[in-house]
N, C-alpha and C. Protein backbone atom coordinates (compact mmCIF):
# COMPACT_ATOMS: atom_id res chain seq x y z
N UNK A 1 -14.13 -3.27 -15.66
CA UNK A 1 -13.68 -2.13 -14.88
C UNK A 1 -12.80 -2.62 -13.73
N UNK A 2 -11.63 -2.01 -13.60
CA UNK A 2 -10.70 -2.40 -12.55
C UNK A 2 -11.08 -1.71 -11.25
N UNK A 3 -11.18 -2.51 -10.20
CA UNK A 3 -11.47 -1.96 -8.87
C UNK A 3 -10.47 -2.50 -7.86
N UNK A 4 -9.98 -1.62 -7.00
CA UNK A 4 -9.08 -1.99 -5.93
C UNK A 4 -9.79 -1.73 -4.61
N UNK A 5 -9.78 -2.70 -3.73
CA UNK A 5 -10.47 -2.56 -2.45
C UNK A 5 -9.50 -2.89 -1.33
N UNK A 6 -9.26 -1.90 -0.47
CA UNK A 6 -8.39 -2.08 0.68
C UNK A 6 -9.19 -2.56 1.89
N UNK A 7 -8.52 -3.27 2.76
CA UNK A 7 -9.10 -3.70 4.03
C UNK A 7 -7.98 -3.90 5.04
N UNK A 8 -8.38 -4.03 6.30
CA UNK A 8 -7.41 -4.33 7.34
C UNK A 8 -7.03 -3.15 8.22
N UNK A 9 -7.52 -1.97 7.90
CA UNK A 9 -7.21 -0.82 8.74
C UNK A 9 -7.93 -0.91 10.07
N UNK A 10 -7.57 0.00 10.96
CA UNK A 10 -8.21 0.03 12.27
C UNK A 10 -7.43 0.85 13.26
N UNK A 11 -7.78 0.67 14.52
CA UNK A 11 -7.14 1.39 15.62
C UNK A 11 -6.18 0.44 16.34
N UNK A 12 -4.95 0.89 16.54
CA UNK A 12 -3.96 0.06 17.21
C UNK A 12 -3.08 0.95 18.09
N UNK A 13 -2.55 0.38 19.15
CA UNK A 13 -1.65 1.14 20.02
C UNK A 13 -0.26 1.22 19.39
N UNK A 14 0.48 2.24 19.77
CA UNK A 14 1.85 2.38 19.30
C UNK A 14 2.64 1.12 19.64
N UNK A 15 3.45 0.67 18.69
CA UNK A 15 4.20 -0.55 18.85
C UNK A 15 3.49 -1.78 18.32
N UNK A 16 2.23 -1.64 18.01
CA UNK A 16 1.44 -2.75 17.50
C UNK A 16 1.62 -2.97 16.00
N UNK A 17 0.82 -3.91 15.48
CA UNK A 17 0.93 -4.30 14.07
C UNK A 17 -0.45 -4.35 13.42
N UNK A 18 -0.45 -4.14 12.13
CA UNK A 18 -1.63 -4.32 11.30
C UNK A 18 -1.18 -4.87 9.95
N UNK A 19 -2.06 -5.61 9.29
CA UNK A 19 -1.78 -6.04 7.92
C UNK A 19 -2.90 -5.54 7.03
N UNK A 20 -2.54 -4.72 6.07
CA UNK A 20 -3.48 -4.24 5.09
C UNK A 20 -3.50 -5.16 3.88
N UNK A 21 -4.69 -5.29 3.30
CA UNK A 21 -4.84 -6.08 2.08
C UNK A 21 -5.47 -5.21 1.00
N UNK A 22 -5.13 -5.49 -0.23
CA UNK A 22 -5.71 -4.78 -1.38
C UNK A 22 -6.02 -5.83 -2.44
N UNK A 23 -7.30 -6.03 -2.67
CA UNK A 23 -7.73 -7.01 -3.66
C UNK A 23 -8.24 -6.30 -4.90
N UNK A 24 -7.77 -6.75 -6.04
CA UNK A 24 -8.15 -6.17 -7.32
C UNK A 24 -9.17 -7.05 -8.02
N UNK A 25 -10.18 -6.44 -8.58
CA UNK A 25 -11.15 -7.15 -9.41
C UNK A 25 -11.19 -6.50 -10.78
N UNK A 26 -11.60 -7.28 -11.78
CA UNK A 26 -11.69 -6.75 -13.13
C UNK A 26 -10.44 -6.95 -13.96
N UNK A 27 -9.37 -7.39 -13.32
CA UNK A 27 -8.12 -7.61 -14.05
C UNK A 27 -7.17 -8.38 -13.13
N UNK A 28 -6.39 -9.27 -13.71
CA UNK A 28 -5.34 -9.95 -12.95
C UNK A 28 -4.20 -8.96 -12.69
N UNK A 29 -3.61 -9.04 -11.49
CA UNK A 29 -2.56 -8.08 -11.14
C UNK A 29 -1.19 -8.49 -11.62
N UNK A 30 -1.06 -9.73 -12.07
CA UNK A 30 0.23 -10.17 -12.58
C UNK A 30 0.67 -9.27 -13.72
N UNK A 31 1.91 -8.76 -13.67
CA UNK A 31 2.40 -7.87 -14.70
C UNK A 31 2.27 -6.40 -14.35
N UNK A 32 1.62 -6.09 -13.22
CA UNK A 32 1.41 -4.69 -12.84
C UNK A 32 2.11 -4.37 -11.53
N UNK A 33 2.91 -3.29 -11.52
CA UNK A 33 3.46 -2.84 -10.25
C UNK A 33 2.32 -2.36 -9.35
N UNK A 34 2.47 -2.59 -8.05
CA UNK A 34 1.46 -2.19 -7.09
C UNK A 34 2.14 -1.38 -5.99
N UNK A 35 1.38 -0.48 -5.39
CA UNK A 35 1.98 0.39 -4.37
C UNK A 35 0.97 0.75 -3.29
N UNK A 36 1.51 1.19 -2.18
CA UNK A 36 0.72 1.76 -1.09
C UNK A 36 1.15 3.21 -0.88
N UNK A 37 0.16 4.06 -0.73
CA UNK A 37 0.37 5.45 -0.37
C UNK A 37 -0.46 5.75 0.87
N UNK A 38 -0.20 6.88 1.51
CA UNK A 38 -1.01 7.29 2.65
C UNK A 38 -1.20 8.79 2.61
N UNK A 39 -2.27 9.23 3.28
CA UNK A 39 -2.58 10.65 3.27
C UNK A 39 -3.25 11.05 4.57
N UNK A 40 -2.83 12.20 5.09
CA UNK A 40 -3.48 12.80 6.26
C UNK A 40 -4.12 14.11 5.81
N UNK A 41 -5.11 14.58 6.56
CA UNK A 41 -5.83 15.80 6.15
C UNK A 41 -4.89 16.99 5.94
N UNK A 42 -5.07 17.65 4.82
CA UNK A 42 -4.28 18.84 4.54
C UNK A 42 -2.92 18.58 3.94
N UNK A 43 -2.58 17.31 3.76
CA UNK A 43 -1.27 16.97 3.21
C UNK A 43 -1.42 16.22 1.91
N UNK A 44 -0.35 16.22 1.12
CA UNK A 44 -0.36 15.47 -0.13
C UNK A 44 -0.23 13.97 0.15
N UNK A 45 -0.68 13.20 -0.82
CA UNK A 45 -0.54 11.75 -0.69
C UNK A 45 0.94 11.39 -0.68
N UNK A 46 1.31 10.53 0.27
CA UNK A 46 2.71 10.19 0.52
C UNK A 46 2.98 8.75 0.14
N UNK A 47 4.08 8.53 -0.56
CA UNK A 47 4.48 7.17 -0.93
C UNK A 47 4.89 6.39 0.30
N UNK A 48 4.45 5.13 0.35
CA UNK A 48 4.82 4.24 1.44
C UNK A 48 5.70 3.10 0.93
N UNK A 49 5.20 2.37 -0.07
CA UNK A 49 5.94 1.22 -0.56
C UNK A 49 5.40 0.79 -1.91
N UNK A 50 6.24 0.12 -2.69
CA UNK A 50 5.83 -0.41 -3.99
C UNK A 50 6.52 -1.73 -4.25
N UNK A 51 5.89 -2.54 -5.08
CA UNK A 51 6.45 -3.83 -5.44
C UNK A 51 6.32 -4.02 -6.94
N UNK A 52 7.38 -4.52 -7.53
CA UNK A 52 7.38 -4.69 -8.98
C UNK A 52 6.53 -5.87 -9.39
N UNK A 53 6.22 -5.92 -10.66
CA UNK A 53 5.45 -7.05 -11.19
C UNK A 53 6.28 -8.31 -11.15
N UNK A 54 7.61 -8.15 -11.05
CA UNK A 54 8.49 -9.31 -10.94
C UNK A 54 8.55 -9.86 -9.52
N UNK A 55 7.96 -9.14 -8.58
CA UNK A 55 7.93 -9.51 -7.16
C UNK A 55 9.26 -9.28 -6.47
N UNK A 56 10.37 -9.50 -7.16
CA UNK A 56 11.66 -9.46 -6.50
C UNK A 56 12.10 -8.06 -6.12
N UNK A 57 11.50 -7.04 -6.71
CA UNK A 57 11.93 -5.67 -6.45
C UNK A 57 10.90 -4.93 -5.62
N UNK A 58 11.35 -4.36 -4.50
CA UNK A 58 10.47 -3.57 -3.64
C UNK A 58 11.12 -2.22 -3.35
N UNK A 59 10.31 -1.28 -2.93
CA UNK A 59 10.75 0.08 -2.69
C UNK A 59 9.99 0.60 -1.47
N UNK A 60 10.70 1.26 -0.56
CA UNK A 60 10.07 1.75 0.67
C UNK A 60 10.45 3.21 0.93
N UNK A 61 9.53 3.93 1.51
CA UNK A 61 9.86 5.26 2.03
C UNK A 61 10.79 5.10 3.23
N UNK A 62 11.68 6.04 3.41
CA UNK A 62 12.63 5.95 4.52
C UNK A 62 11.92 5.84 5.86
N UNK A 63 10.77 6.48 5.96
CA UNK A 63 10.05 6.52 7.24
C UNK A 63 9.49 5.17 7.66
N UNK A 64 9.40 4.22 6.74
CA UNK A 64 8.82 2.92 7.08
C UNK A 64 9.78 1.76 6.89
N UNK A 65 10.97 2.03 6.38
CA UNK A 65 11.96 0.96 6.15
C UNK A 65 12.25 0.23 7.45
N UNK A 66 12.27 -1.09 7.36
CA UNK A 66 12.55 -1.91 8.52
C UNK A 66 11.33 -2.21 9.38
N UNK A 67 10.22 -1.51 9.11
CA UNK A 67 9.00 -1.73 9.89
C UNK A 67 7.86 -2.28 9.03
N UNK A 68 7.79 -1.86 7.77
CA UNK A 68 6.72 -2.29 6.87
C UNK A 68 7.28 -3.25 5.83
N UNK A 69 6.43 -4.19 5.41
CA UNK A 69 6.81 -5.12 4.35
C UNK A 69 5.67 -5.25 3.36
N UNK A 70 5.98 -5.03 2.09
CA UNK A 70 4.99 -5.20 1.03
C UNK A 70 5.18 -6.57 0.39
N UNK A 71 4.07 -7.19 0.02
CA UNK A 71 4.13 -8.47 -0.66
C UNK A 71 2.92 -8.59 -1.57
N UNK A 72 2.95 -9.58 -2.44
CA UNK A 72 1.83 -9.77 -3.34
C UNK A 72 1.60 -11.25 -3.57
N UNK A 73 0.35 -11.59 -3.81
CA UNK A 73 -0.04 -12.95 -4.16
C UNK A 73 -0.85 -12.84 -5.44
N UNK A 74 -0.18 -13.06 -6.56
CA UNK A 74 -0.85 -12.89 -7.84
C UNK A 74 -2.00 -13.88 -8.02
N UNK A 75 -1.86 -15.04 -7.45
CA UNK A 75 -2.93 -16.04 -7.56
C UNK A 75 -4.20 -15.57 -6.86
N UNK A 76 -4.02 -14.80 -5.77
CA UNK A 76 -5.15 -14.25 -5.02
C UNK A 76 -5.51 -12.84 -5.47
N UNK A 77 -4.76 -12.32 -6.43
CA UNK A 77 -4.99 -10.94 -6.91
C UNK A 77 -4.95 -9.92 -5.78
N UNK A 78 -4.03 -10.14 -4.85
CA UNK A 78 -3.99 -9.33 -3.63
C UNK A 78 -2.58 -8.87 -3.32
N UNK A 79 -2.49 -7.64 -2.85
CA UNK A 79 -1.25 -7.07 -2.35
C UNK A 79 -1.42 -6.79 -0.87
N UNK A 80 -0.35 -7.00 -0.12
CA UNK A 80 -0.41 -6.83 1.33
C UNK A 80 0.61 -5.78 1.79
N UNK A 81 0.31 -5.18 2.92
CA UNK A 81 1.27 -4.31 3.59
C UNK A 81 1.27 -4.70 5.06
N UNK A 82 2.32 -5.38 5.47
CA UNK A 82 2.48 -5.73 6.88
C UNK A 82 3.16 -4.57 7.58
N UNK A 83 2.50 -4.04 8.59
CA UNK A 83 3.00 -2.87 9.30
C UNK A 83 3.28 -3.25 10.75
N UNK A 84 4.54 -3.19 11.13
CA UNK A 84 4.97 -3.51 12.49
C UNK A 84 5.53 -2.28 13.18
N UNK A 85 5.64 -2.34 14.48
CA UNK A 85 6.20 -1.23 15.27
C UNK A 85 5.56 0.10 14.88
N UNK A 86 4.26 0.11 14.83
CA UNK A 86 3.54 1.29 14.39
C UNK A 86 3.74 2.46 15.34
N UNK A 87 3.77 3.64 14.73
CA UNK A 87 3.95 4.89 15.48
C UNK A 87 2.75 5.79 15.24
N UNK A 88 2.48 6.71 16.16
CA UNK A 88 1.36 7.65 15.94
C UNK A 88 1.46 8.39 14.61
N UNK A 89 2.66 8.68 14.16
CA UNK A 89 2.82 9.39 12.90
C UNK A 89 2.48 8.53 11.68
N UNK A 90 2.23 7.25 11.88
CA UNK A 90 1.76 6.39 10.78
C UNK A 90 0.26 6.53 10.57
N UNK A 91 -0.41 7.25 11.45
CA UNK A 91 -1.85 7.46 11.32
C UNK A 91 -2.16 8.17 10.01
N UNK A 92 -3.05 7.58 9.20
CA UNK A 92 -3.38 8.12 7.89
C UNK A 92 -4.43 7.23 7.25
N UNK A 93 -4.95 7.69 6.13
CA UNK A 93 -5.72 6.82 5.25
C UNK A 93 -4.73 6.21 4.27
N UNK A 94 -4.76 4.89 4.18
CA UNK A 94 -3.84 4.16 3.32
C UNK A 94 -4.55 3.74 2.04
N UNK A 95 -3.90 4.03 0.91
CA UNK A 95 -4.45 3.73 -0.40
C UNK A 95 -3.57 2.74 -1.14
N UNK A 96 -4.22 1.86 -1.86
CA UNK A 96 -3.56 0.93 -2.76
C UNK A 96 -3.67 1.48 -4.18
N UNK A 97 -2.64 1.22 -5.00
CA UNK A 97 -2.66 1.73 -6.36
C UNK A 97 -1.93 0.77 -7.29
N UNK A 98 -2.32 0.81 -8.56
CA UNK A 98 -1.62 0.01 -9.57
C UNK A 98 -1.19 0.91 -10.73
N UNK A 99 -0.07 0.54 -11.32
CA UNK A 99 0.51 1.34 -12.38
C UNK A 99 0.36 0.65 -13.73
N UNK A 100 1.06 1.15 -14.73
CA UNK A 100 1.00 0.55 -16.06
C UNK A 100 1.71 -0.79 -16.08
N UNK A 101 1.25 -1.65 -16.95
CA UNK A 101 1.81 -3.00 -17.04
C UNK A 101 3.31 -2.94 -17.33
N UNK A 102 4.04 -3.74 -16.57
CA UNK A 102 5.48 -3.96 -16.77
C UNK A 102 6.32 -2.70 -16.55
N UNK A 103 5.76 -1.73 -15.87
CA UNK A 103 6.54 -0.52 -15.55
C UNK A 103 7.26 -0.72 -14.22
N UNK A 104 8.12 0.25 -13.88
CA UNK A 104 8.88 0.15 -12.64
C UNK A 104 8.02 0.55 -11.44
N UNK A 105 8.33 0.01 -10.26
CA UNK A 105 7.58 0.36 -9.05
C UNK A 105 8.01 1.73 -8.51
N UNK A 106 7.48 2.80 -9.06
CA UNK A 106 7.94 4.13 -8.73
C UNK A 106 7.22 4.72 -7.52
N UNK A 107 7.75 5.83 -7.03
CA UNK A 107 7.22 6.43 -5.80
C UNK A 107 6.31 7.63 -6.05
N UNK A 108 6.21 8.07 -7.29
CA UNK A 108 5.36 9.24 -7.56
C UNK A 108 3.92 8.79 -7.76
N UNK A 109 3.01 9.42 -7.05
CA UNK A 109 1.59 9.08 -7.15
C UNK A 109 1.06 9.27 -8.57
N UNK A 110 1.62 10.22 -9.29
CA UNK A 110 1.13 10.51 -10.64
C UNK A 110 1.39 9.37 -11.62
N UNK A 111 2.27 8.45 -11.25
CA UNK A 111 2.58 7.32 -12.13
C UNK A 111 1.55 6.19 -12.01
N UNK A 112 0.65 6.30 -11.06
CA UNK A 112 -0.32 5.24 -10.80
C UNK A 112 -1.68 5.60 -11.35
N UNK A 113 -2.33 4.58 -11.88
CA UNK A 113 -3.55 4.80 -12.64
C UNK A 113 -4.80 4.46 -11.87
N UNK A 114 -4.80 3.30 -11.25
CA UNK A 114 -5.98 2.82 -10.53
C UNK A 114 -5.74 2.92 -9.03
N UNK A 115 -6.76 3.37 -8.31
CA UNK A 115 -6.66 3.59 -6.87
C UNK A 115 -7.84 2.97 -6.14
N UNK A 116 -7.59 2.53 -4.92
CA UNK A 116 -8.67 2.09 -4.07
C UNK A 116 -9.28 3.26 -3.32
N UNK A 117 -10.26 2.96 -2.48
CA UNK A 117 -10.98 4.02 -1.76
C UNK A 117 -10.30 4.38 -0.45
N UNK A 118 -9.36 3.58 -0.02
CA UNK A 118 -8.60 3.87 1.19
C UNK A 118 -9.14 3.16 2.42
N UNK A 119 -8.25 2.94 3.37
CA UNK A 119 -8.62 2.36 4.65
C UNK A 119 -7.89 3.13 5.75
N UNK A 120 -8.63 3.46 6.81
CA UNK A 120 -8.08 4.30 7.87
C UNK A 120 -7.22 3.48 8.83
N UNK A 121 -6.04 3.98 9.10
CA UNK A 121 -5.16 3.41 10.13
C UNK A 121 -4.94 4.49 11.19
N UNK A 122 -5.26 4.16 12.42
CA UNK A 122 -5.07 5.09 13.52
C UNK A 122 -4.20 4.44 14.59
N UNK A 123 -3.10 5.09 14.92
CA UNK A 123 -2.17 4.57 15.91
C UNK A 123 -2.20 5.50 17.12
N UNK A 124 -2.60 4.97 18.25
CA UNK A 124 -2.70 5.78 19.47
C UNK A 124 -1.40 5.70 20.26
N UNK A 125 -1.09 6.78 20.95
CA UNK A 125 0.16 6.82 21.73
C UNK A 125 -0.04 6.32 23.14
C-alpha cells in the first residue's frame, strides 16, 4: 500500500521560510511525477508545484513562482517544497500527491492518485 506522509509545516512570520517534506512508503517514487497542492477552508484544492519523474521538468503556480522550489530525492523516496518569502495568503494545509508512472507533471488535482494527509502551514502578518 502506497502512503505519502508530509512534514515540516508550522507557524512562521511573513517573510520567513519553511521546507516541507513528503516521504513515500510502499513504492519507490522514481518514475512518478510528484506534486504539492494546498487548501484553505471552503475552497478547492489549489495547485502549487509539480516535478516530473525526469526531475528536469518543474511546474509552478503563478502565485508561488520565484518563492517556492520543488525538488526530489529518489534515493530517499522524498519530495521537498522549499518555501521562501512566505506571505499570509500562503496559509493553508499543504498536500503531497503522486500521479501515474511516467506521466506529465500536471496541475489538475484529478490527475493525481495518491495523496498524503496534509501538513498545516500558517503565516502570520
